[in-house]
Amino acid sequence: MAPPTLEGWIAALASGHDVRLDKAAVRQSAHGKGLFASEPVKRGDVVTSVPKKLTLLIQDGNALALPGDGAWPRVRAGASAAAPDSGKGWEFILARAIVDAVAGDGGAFWEQYGGVMPGPETLAHPFLLSDDMLAQLQDDAMAARAKDERKLIEALMPDLTTTQHAMETDSAVTVGAWALALVRSRAMTIGVGAHAVVPFLDCANHASVPNVDYRCDSISTPADSGIAPQAPQDMDRVEMIALTDAEENEPLVLAYTKGNLTTEEHFEQYGFVASAYGSPLDRIRGLPRPPRVGTRASRLKAALKAAVREDLARVWSDLEAREKEKEGSGGGALDERGSIVAAGASIRATLGDDDGIDECEDMTVGEEIAHLDALRSAAAELEANFPSTLEDDQAALRTLGEEGDERMGNVLRLRVCRKALVRRVRDVLDGLIVE
């Protein structure tokens, strides 16, 4: 008899525990496991539904709701009177629950589902990276934060500092750190002050333009979507709802952050880079600010707007050419389109294109020219001081390829994203002329 496929095994596990994979399937994806449409999906369809009793849930105030057939010894140890008070926060308690689940101490369902959790070799949260790989971030501040967080994890989860067997040569990857990384990247808000790891739903990958969202008794999907609310008889379940139509085999993707994080913040929270085009909140630190921005748009601001429009038009053209080569790239192309718009917002904000400052004089022509020169010099100096060039990092990422080290791939994507924004700002500045 042939061994069961991942999809078949997951489907059998789900049906045995009242999980409704109505129009979804868990399959291998380019980034580990993912959720896919198992048949055509219509907007408003419930594609997956999970009983709350299967979730690992903690309420603010440390009220726990865990499957009752588990012993949960590590959770109990963390919640004991002797445990550090600061280690009783929801992230750390959920991390302990994940370790119990994977170790077989979380009951019949989690003893099996725990094996679906990704190994540390696929996660790139900075506190999981070795010192050598932290240096590869080319970001001293991020590396320092990661080392501080490692010390905090060791202090708050001293019983979970054994090294993960999958990467036992890497002292940064302890059991506690790995579990905390999973909580950071997989936990959902499923009620007022309630955080949970929801099996099956946690397999959905990220896209800045999602085609699904989740809902439960106090979380609507989303409030202004026009999709019918959750049925009263299903209030004891967490549902995944289709926001758009989807074809069979199409990835079902969530927007993890709702656009509320910078690229670097997203990397630290989830352990991967959402898009090479960046977030609308991205900024280049260290560029000089204009001496004055008046009630009327200055010539420099007008020139900035025109230059950013030209830059975006060029990138759009490149994307359309690539789409034609690939004969359409589906949801990934939508994600890139959203990210390109985000990059334009980033450039405008970085260069001080902000109409929110008023009641002061506009810059003079001389001040505009001087400020433009200062911007060019600062951006050029910033790019010159990077340890490697944008082209070097792009070449390294291509060489690494899809089958390479996923952690190093995410580190390189972070560097490419950061340097690409600096390069695009330089291109915009170099094309500006103030007359």
Protein backbone atom coordinates (compact mmCIF):
# COMPACT_ATOMS: atom_id res chain seq x y z
CA MET A 1 0.00 0.00 0.00
CA ALA A 2 1.35 3.44 -0.95
CA PRO A 3 2.05 5.79 1.97
CA PRO A 4 -0.53 8.57 2.43
CA THR A 5 0.18 11.94 0.87
CA LEU A 6 0.43 15.03 3.07
CA GLU A 7 -2.92 16.23 1.72
CA GLY A 8 -4.59 12.88 2.39
CA TRP A 9 -3.13 12.55 5.87
CA ILE A 10 -4.18 16.11 6.82
CA ALA A 11 -7.67 15.55 5.42
CA ALA A 12 -8.06 12.37 7.50
CA LEU A 13 -6.81 14.13 10.64
CA ALA A 14 -9.25 16.99 10.03
CA SER A 15 -12.29 14.78 9.47
CA GLY A 16 -11.53 12.87 12.67
CA HIS A 17 -11.66 16.06 14.76
CA ASP A 18 -14.64 17.94 13.29
CA VAL A 19 -12.44 20.25 11.17
CA ARG A 20 -14.21 21.20 7.94
CA LEU A 21 -11.80 21.53 5.04
CA ASP A 22 -14.80 22.32 2.83
CA LYS A 23 -12.96 23.91 -0.08
CA ALA A 24 -9.34 23.88 1.08
CA ALA A 25 -6.40 21.51 1.26
CA VAL A 26 -3.01 21.65 2.97
CA ARG A 27 -0.20 20.96 0.50
CA GLN A 28 3.50 21.54 0.10
CA SER A 29 4.28 25.02 -1.24
CA ALA A 30 7.34 27.03 -2.17
CA HIS A 31 7.59 28.08 1.48
CA GLY A 32 6.92 24.84 3.35
CA LYS A 33 3.23 24.09 3.65
CA GLY A 34 0.36 26.18 2.35
CA LEU A 35 -3.41 26.26 2.05
CA PHE A 36 -4.89 25.81 -1.44
CA ALA A 37 -8.37 25.81 -2.95
CA SER A 38 -9.42 22.18 -3.43
CA GLU A 39 -12.25 23.26 -5.76
CA PRO A 40 -13.50 26.55 -7.27
CA VAL A 41 -14.27 29.10 -4.53
CA LYS A 42 -16.80 31.95 -4.57
CA ARG A 43 -16.54 35.15 -2.57
CA GLY A 44 -18.13 34.64 0.85
CA ASP A 45 -17.59 30.86 0.90
CA VAL A 46 -16.43 29.26 4.15
CA VAL A 47 -13.36 27.39 2.92
CA THR A 48 -12.19 26.04 6.30
CA SER A 49 -13.75 25.84 9.76
CA VAL A 50 -11.98 24.77 12.98
CA PRO A 51 -13.58 24.12 16.39
CA LYS A 52 -12.22 26.52 19.01
CA LYS A 53 -11.67 23.57 21.34
CA LEU A 54 -8.75 22.46 19.14
CA THR A 55 -6.94 25.80 19.31
CA LEU A 56 -4.13 26.80 21.65
CA LEU A 57 -5.70 29.93 23.14
CA ILE A 58 -4.73 32.39 25.85
CA GLN A 59 -6.77 35.39 26.98
CA ASP A 60 -5.28 38.58 28.39
CA GLY A 61 -5.00 37.90 32.10
CA ASN A 62 -3.63 34.43 31.29
CA ALA A 63 -6.93 32.55 31.07
CA LEU A 64 -6.00 29.42 29.10
CA ALA A 65 -8.14 27.28 26.81
CA LEU A 66 -6.21 24.16 25.73
CA PRO A 67 -7.48 20.74 24.62
CA GLY A 68 -8.51 18.91 27.77
CA ASP A 69 -6.88 15.57 26.97
CA GLY A 70 -3.35 17.00 27.15
CA ALA A 71 -1.06 17.09 30.19
CA TRP A 72 0.63 20.37 29.15
CA PRO A 73 3.52 20.06 31.66
CA ARG A 74 5.62 22.90 30.21
CA VAL A 75 2.63 25.28 30.19
CA ARG A 76 1.99 24.38 33.83
CA ALA A 77 5.64 25.00 34.68
CA GLY A 78 5.56 28.39 33.01
CA ALA A 79 2.37 29.40 34.79
CA SER A 80 3.56 28.23 38.21
CA ALA A 81 4.16 30.61 41.09
CA ALA A 82 7.91 30.07 40.81
CA ALA A 83 8.08 31.08 37.13
CA PRO A 84 9.20 34.66 36.30
CA ASP A 85 6.18 36.97 36.11
CA SER A 86 7.35 38.43 32.81
CA GLY A 87 7.47 34.91 31.39
CA LYS A 88 3.73 34.54 31.87
CA GLY A 89 2.85 36.83 28.97
CA TRP A 90 0.71 35.30 26.25
CA GLU A 91 3.54 34.82 23.74
CA PHE A 92 5.63 32.79 26.16
CA ILE A 93 2.73 30.68 27.41
CA LEU A 94 1.71 29.87 23.83
CA ALA A 95 5.34 29.01 23.04
CA ARG A 96 5.30 26.50 25.89
CA ALA A 97 2.02 25.08 24.57
CA ILE A 98 3.62 24.52 21.16
CA VAL A 99 6.54 22.63 22.72
CA ASP A 100 4.08 20.47 24.69
CA ALA A 101 2.08 19.82 21.52
CA VAL A 102 5.11 18.77 19.46
CA ALA A 103 6.46 16.66 22.34
CA GLY A 104 3.22 14.66 22.49
CA ASP A 105 1.98 16.18 25.76
CA GLY A 106 -0.90 18.15 24.25
CA GLY A 107 -3.48 15.46 23.65
CA ALA A 108 -4.38 13.13 20.77
CA PHE A 109 -4.98 15.77 18.10
CA TRP A 110 -1.90 17.91 18.78
CA GLU A 111 0.34 14.85 19.10
CA GLN A 112 -0.31 14.37 15.38
CA TYR A 113 -0.74 17.96 14.19
CA GLY A 114 2.42 19.07 16.00
CA GLY A 115 4.39 17.36 13.25
CA VAL A 116 3.02 19.90 10.74
CA MET A 117 4.91 22.72 12.48
CA PRO A 118 7.89 23.98 10.45
CA GLY A 119 11.42 23.26 11.63
CA PRO A 120 13.85 26.00 12.66
CA GLU A 121 15.81 25.73 9.43
CA THR A 122 12.91 27.45 7.62
CA LEU A 123 12.57 30.36 10.08
CA ALA A 124 14.65 33.53 9.90
CA HIS A 125 13.54 35.50 12.96
CA PRO A 126 16.67 37.42 13.98
CA PHE A 127 16.87 35.87 17.45
CA LEU A 128 17.12 32.44 15.75
CA LEU A 129 20.10 33.46 13.60
CA SER A 130 23.68 32.66 14.53
CA ASP A 131 26.06 35.55 15.18
CA ASP A 132 27.63 34.95 11.77
CA MET A 133 24.25 35.18 10.05
CA LEU A 134 23.25 38.21 12.13
CA ALA A 135 26.30 39.94 10.68
CA GLN A 136 24.90 39.09 7.23
CA LEU A 137 21.87 41.29 7.98
CA GLN A 138 24.17 44.32 7.60
CA ASP A 139 22.07 46.01 10.29
CA ASP A 140 23.84 46.48 13.63
CA ALA A 141 20.70 47.72 15.40
CA MET A 142 18.64 44.68 14.37
CA ALA A 143 21.46 42.33 15.35
CA ALA A 144 21.71 43.97 18.78
CA ARG A 145 17.96 43.62 19.33
CA ALA A 146 18.17 39.93 18.37
CA LYS A 147 20.95 39.24 20.88
CA ASP A 148 19.01 41.02 23.62
CA GLU A 149 15.94 38.95 22.79
CA ARG A 150 17.93 35.72 22.96
CA LYS A 151 18.99 36.61 26.51
CA LEU A 152 15.38 37.41 27.43
CA ILE A 153 14.17 34.05 26.08
CA GLU A 154 16.82 32.22 28.08
CA ALA A 155 15.88 34.14 31.23
CA LEU A 156 12.13 33.58 30.88
CA MET A 157 12.20 29.99 29.59
CA PRO A 158 15.31 28.50 31.24
CA ASP A 159 13.83 24.98 31.03
CA LEU A 160 13.53 25.26 27.23
CA THR A 161 17.12 26.19 26.40
CA THR A 162 18.13 22.80 24.99
CA THR A 163 19.21 23.01 21.36
CA GLN A 164 16.81 22.02 18.61
CA HIS A 165 18.00 18.72 17.12
CA ALA A 166 17.50 19.88 13.52
CA MET A 167 20.19 22.55 13.90
CA GLU A 168 22.09 21.34 16.93
CA THR A 169 25.28 23.10 15.85
CA ASP A 170 23.52 26.47 16.07
CA SER A 171 23.34 27.57 19.71
CA ALA A 172 20.82 30.33 18.84
CA VAL A 173 18.14 27.76 17.97
CA THR A 174 16.89 26.59 21.35
CA VAL A 175 13.55 24.84 21.81
CA GLY A 176 12.11 27.95 23.47
CA ALA A 177 13.36 30.33 20.77
CA TRP A 178 11.99 28.11 17.99
CA ALA A 179 8.58 27.89 19.67
CA LEU A 180 8.44 31.64 20.27
CA ALA A 181 9.25 32.22 16.58
CA LEU A 182 6.29 30.01 15.65
CA VAL A 183 4.02 32.00 17.96
CA ARG A 184 5.22 35.29 16.43
CA SER A 185 4.51 34.07 12.92
CA ARG A 186 1.37 31.95 13.41
CA ALA A 187 -0.74 33.29 16.31
CA MET A 188 -4.04 35.00 15.44
CA THR A 189 -6.25 37.42 17.35
CA ILE A 190 -9.55 35.55 17.66
CA GLY A 191 -11.37 37.63 20.25
CA VAL A 192 -11.03 40.65 22.51
CA GLY A 193 -7.62 40.17 24.08
CA ALA A 194 -7.48 36.55 22.91
CA HIS A 195 -4.54 35.09 20.98
CA ALA A 196 -4.49 31.59 19.52
CA VAL A 197 -2.66 29.18 17.28
CA VAL A 198 -5.44 27.81 15.06
CA PRO A 199 -4.55 24.53 13.35
CA PHE A 200 -5.04 24.32 9.58
CA LEU A 201 -5.67 28.08 9.31
CA ASP A 202 -2.07 28.62 10.40
CA CYS A 203 -0.94 26.97 7.15
CA ALA A 204 -2.20 29.89 5.03
CA ASN A 205 0.71 31.86 3.60
CA HIS A 206 0.98 35.66 3.38
CA ALA A 207 0.21 38.11 0.58
CA SER A 208 -0.28 41.85 0.76
CA VAL A 209 -3.38 41.36 -1.41
CA PRO A 210 -5.24 38.48 0.32
CA ASN A 211 -8.03 36.31 -1.04
CA VAL A 212 -9.14 34.96 2.37
CA ASP A 213 -9.56 36.22 5.92
CA TYR A 214 -10.68 34.64 9.18
CA ARG A 215 -13.52 35.34 11.58
CA CYS A 216 -14.96 34.12 14.88
CA ASP A 217 -17.49 35.34 17.44
CA SER A 218 -15.95 38.80 17.95
CA ILE A 219 -13.87 39.21 14.79
CA SER A 220 -15.69 40.04 11.53
CA THR A 221 -14.17 39.43 8.10
CA PRO A 222 -13.62 42.29 7.45
CA ALA A 223 -16.15 44.69 8.91
CA ASP A 224 -16.77 46.58 5.65
CA SER A 225 -16.60 43.61 3.25
CA GLY A 226 -20.36 43.13 2.85
CA ILE A 227 -19.90 39.40 3.50
CA ALA A 228 -22.59 37.86 5.70
CA PRO A 229 -21.62 37.53 9.37
CA GLN A 230 -20.84 34.24 11.05
CA ALA A 231 -23.91 32.11 11.73
CA PRO A 232 -24.93 31.95 15.42
CA GLN A 233 -24.62 28.14 15.47
CA ASP A 234 -20.96 28.43 14.35
CA MET A 235 -19.80 30.85 17.05
CA ASP A 236 -17.76 28.04 18.63
CA ARG A 237 -15.61 27.80 15.49
CA VAL A 238 -12.94 29.86 13.72
CA GLU A 239 -13.78 30.18 10.03
CA MET A 240 -11.73 31.12 7.00
CA ILE A 241 -13.78 33.09 4.46
CA ALA A 242 -13.09 33.79 0.79
CA LEU A 243 -12.74 37.51 0.05
CA THR A 244 -12.60 36.89 -3.70
CA ASP A 245 -13.33 34.09 -6.12
CA ALA A 246 -10.48 31.59 -6.47
CA GLU A 247 -9.75 28.85 -8.97
CA GLU A 248 -9.10 25.25 -7.98
CA ASN A 249 -5.46 24.81 -6.79
CA GLU A 250 -5.03 28.56 -6.26
CA PRO A 251 -3.17 29.46 -3.03
CA LEU A 252 -5.41 30.78 -0.24
CA VAL A 253 -3.47 33.65 1.31
CA LEU A 254 -3.93 35.96 4.29
CA ALA A 255 -2.61 39.49 4.82
CA TYR A 256 -0.73 38.92 8.07
CA THR A 257 -0.12 42.56 8.99
CA LYS A 258 -2.89 44.53 7.22
CA GLY A 259 -0.08 46.82 6.00
CA ASN A 260 0.83 48.05 9.48
CA LEU A 261 4.53 47.12 9.55
CA THR A 262 7.67 48.23 7.78
CA THR A 263 9.67 45.62 5.88
CA GLU A 264 12.14 45.33 8.76
CA GLU A 265 9.36 45.04 11.35
CA HIS A 266 7.68 42.35 9.24
CA PHE A 267 10.98 40.45 9.05
CA GLU A 268 11.45 40.59 12.84
CA GLN A 269 7.83 39.54 13.50
CA TYR A 270 7.38 36.81 10.87
CA GLY A 271 10.89 35.80 9.85
CA PHE A 272 10.55 36.59 6.16
CA VAL A 273 10.36 39.53 3.74
CA ALA A 274 6.85 40.12 2.44
CA SER A 275 7.87 41.72 -0.86
CA ALA A 276 10.99 42.99 -2.58
CA TYR A 277 9.07 46.22 -3.32
CA GLY A 278 8.69 47.02 0.37
CA SER A 279 6.05 48.52 2.62
CA PRO A 280 4.45 51.97 2.34
CA LEU A 281 5.83 52.61 5.82
CA ASP A 282 9.47 52.04 4.80
CA ARG A 283 11.78 55.00 5.29
CA ILE A 284 15.42 55.73 4.61
CA ARG A 285 16.93 56.86 7.87
CA GLY A 286 19.41 59.72 7.89
CA LEU A 287 18.28 61.83 4.92
CA PRO A 288 18.16 65.56 5.66
CA ARG A 289 14.74 67.14 6.07
CA PRO A 290 13.76 70.28 4.15
CA PRO A 291 14.35 73.55 6.03
CA ARG A 292 10.78 74.69 5.33
CA VAL A 293 7.69 73.26 3.66
CA GLY A 294 5.18 76.00 3.07
CA THR A 295 1.47 76.26 2.49
CA ARG A 296 2.07 76.22 -1.28
CA ALA A 297 3.72 73.26 -2.99
CA SER A 298 7.34 74.19 -3.67
CA ARG A 299 8.93 73.54 -7.04
CA LEU A 300 11.01 70.77 -5.46
CA LYS A 301 7.94 69.00 -4.12
CA ALA A 302 6.26 69.22 -7.51
CA ALA A 303 9.39 67.85 -9.16
CA LEU A 304 9.51 65.02 -6.61
CA LYS A 305 5.94 64.03 -7.39
CA ALA A 306 6.63 63.99 -11.13
CA ALA A 307 9.84 61.99 -10.69
CA VAL A 308 8.14 59.40 -8.49
CA ARG A 309 5.36 59.04 -11.07
CA GLU A 310 7.98 58.40 -13.77
CA ASP A 311 9.76 55.89 -11.53
CA LEU A 312 6.54 54.00 -10.84
CA ALA A 313 5.60 53.99 -14.54
CA ARG A 314 8.97 52.41 -15.34
CA VAL A 315 8.51 49.69 -12.69
CA TRP A 316 4.94 49.03 -13.83
CA SER A 317 6.23 48.59 -17.37
CA ASP A 318 8.85 46.10 -16.19
CA LEU A 319 6.20 44.12 -14.28
CA GLU A 320 3.85 44.01 -17.26
CA ALA A 321 6.68 42.75 -19.47
CA ARG A 322 7.45 39.97 -17.00
CA GLU A 323 3.76 39.06 -16.76
CA LYS A 324 3.58 38.67 -20.53
CA GLU A 325 6.67 36.44 -20.47
CA LYS A 326 5.06 34.23 -17.82
CA GLU A 327 1.59 34.44 -19.45
CA GLY A 328 0.16 35.83 -16.24
CA SER A 329 1.37 35.26 -12.71
CA GLY A 330 -1.88 35.16 -10.73
CA GLY A 331 -1.99 36.29 -7.11
CA GLY A 332 1.74 36.93 -7.03
CA ALA A 333 1.33 39.67 -9.62
CA LEU A 334 -1.43 41.28 -7.56
CA ASP A 335 0.89 41.22 -4.57
CA GLU A 336 3.62 42.91 -6.61
CA ARG A 337 1.20 45.57 -7.87
CA GLY A 338 0.22 46.47 -4.33
CA SER A 339 3.86 46.53 -3.30
CA ILE A 340 4.86 48.82 -6.17
CA VAL A 341 2.28 51.36 -5.04
CA ALA A 342 3.68 50.93 -1.52
CA ALA A 343 7.18 51.62 -2.77
CA GLY A 344 5.99 54.87 -4.36
CA ALA A 345 4.48 55.94 -1.05
CA SER A 346 7.75 55.06 0.66
CA ILE A 347 9.80 57.20 -1.70
CA ARG A 348 7.51 60.20 -1.37
CA ALA A 349 7.56 60.04 2.43
CA THR A 350 11.32 59.47 2.54
CA LEU A 351 11.92 62.56 0.45
CA GLY A 352 9.63 64.71 2.58
CA ASP A 353 6.70 64.87 0.15
CA ASP A 354 4.23 65.75 2.88
CA ASP A 355 1.57 68.43 2.65
CA GLY A 356 0.78 68.25 6.35
CA ILE A 357 3.15 71.09 7.37
CA ASP A 358 1.75 74.58 6.96
CA GLU A 359 1.83 78.15 8.23
CA CYS A 360 5.43 78.79 7.24
CA GLU A 361 7.24 80.18 4.22
CA ASP A 362 8.11 78.10 1.20
CA MET A 363 11.75 77.38 0.49
CA THR A 364 13.52 79.81 -1.78
CA VAL A 365 14.96 78.56 -5.06
CA GLY A 366 18.42 78.61 -3.48
CA GLU A 367 17.22 76.54 -0.53
CA GLU A 368 15.57 74.06 -2.86
CA ILE A 369 18.78 73.58 -4.84
CA ALA A 370 20.86 73.28 -1.66
CA HIS A 371 18.43 70.78 -0.15
CA LEU A 372 18.41 68.70 -3.34
CA ASP A 373 22.22 68.61 -3.32
CA ALA A 374 22.19 67.56 0.34
CA LEU A 375 19.70 64.78 -0.40
CA ARG A 376 21.82 63.49 -3.28
CA SER A 377 24.99 63.52 -1.20
CA ALA A 378 23.37 61.76 1.75
CA ALA A 379 21.78 59.06 -0.42
CA ALA A 380 25.03 58.48 -2.33
CA GLU A 381 27.00 58.22 0.92
CA LEU A 382 24.48 55.79 2.36
CA GLU A 383 24.70 53.52 -0.69
CA ALA A 384 28.49 53.72 -0.80
CA ASN A 385 28.72 52.61 2.85
CA PHE A 386 26.76 49.38 2.40
CA PRO A 387 29.11 46.38 2.88
CA SER A 388 27.85 44.92 -0.41
CA THR A 389 26.11 46.44 -3.40
CA LEU A 390 22.52 45.91 -4.52
CA GLU A 391 23.83 44.05 -7.58
CA ASP A 392 25.99 41.78 -5.37
CA ASP A 393 23.00 40.87 -3.21
CA GLN A 394 20.72 40.28 -6.19
CA ALA A 395 23.36 37.99 -7.75
CA ALA A 396 23.78 36.09 -4.46
CA LEU A 397 20.02 35.61 -4.22
CA ARG A 398 19.87 34.28 -7.78
CA THR A 399 22.75 31.91 -7.07
CA LEU A 400 21.07 30.68 -3.90
CA GLY A 401 17.97 29.78 -5.92
CA GLU A 402 14.72 28.31 -4.72
CA GLU A 403 16.40 25.13 -3.43
CA GLY A 404 18.96 27.00 -1.31
CA ASP A 405 19.08 27.95 2.35
CA GLU A 406 15.68 29.55 3.02
CA ARG A 407 16.97 31.46 6.04
CA MET A 408 19.85 32.99 4.08
CA GLY A 409 17.44 33.70 1.25
CA ASN A 410 15.29 35.82 3.57
CA VAL A 411 18.35 37.65 4.89
CA LEU A 412 19.36 38.48 1.31
CA ARG A 413 15.82 39.61 0.44
CA LEU A 414 15.88 41.99 3.38
CA ARG A 415 19.16 43.48 2.15
CA VAL A 416 17.88 43.72 -1.43
CA CYS A 417 14.66 45.43 -0.30
CA ARG A 418 16.56 47.99 1.79
CA LYS A 419 19.10 48.76 -0.92
CA ALA A 420 16.54 48.81 -3.73
CA LEU A 421 14.67 51.63 -1.97
CA VAL A 422 17.90 53.62 -1.60
CA ARG A 423 18.74 53.02 -5.27
CA ARG A 424 15.28 54.11 -6.43
CA VAL A 425 15.47 57.24 -4.28
CA ARG A 426 18.86 58.01 -5.84
CA ASP A 427 17.40 57.52 -9.33
CA VAL A 428 14.55 59.89 -8.50
CA LEU A 429 16.94 62.50 -7.08
CA ASP A 430 19.34 62.26 -10.00
CA GLY A 431 16.50 62.98 -12.40
CA LEU A 432 15.40 66.14 -10.62
CA ILE A 433 16.16 69.61 -11.93
CA VAL A 434 15.13 72.75 -10.07
CA GLU A 435 14.98 75.79 -12.38
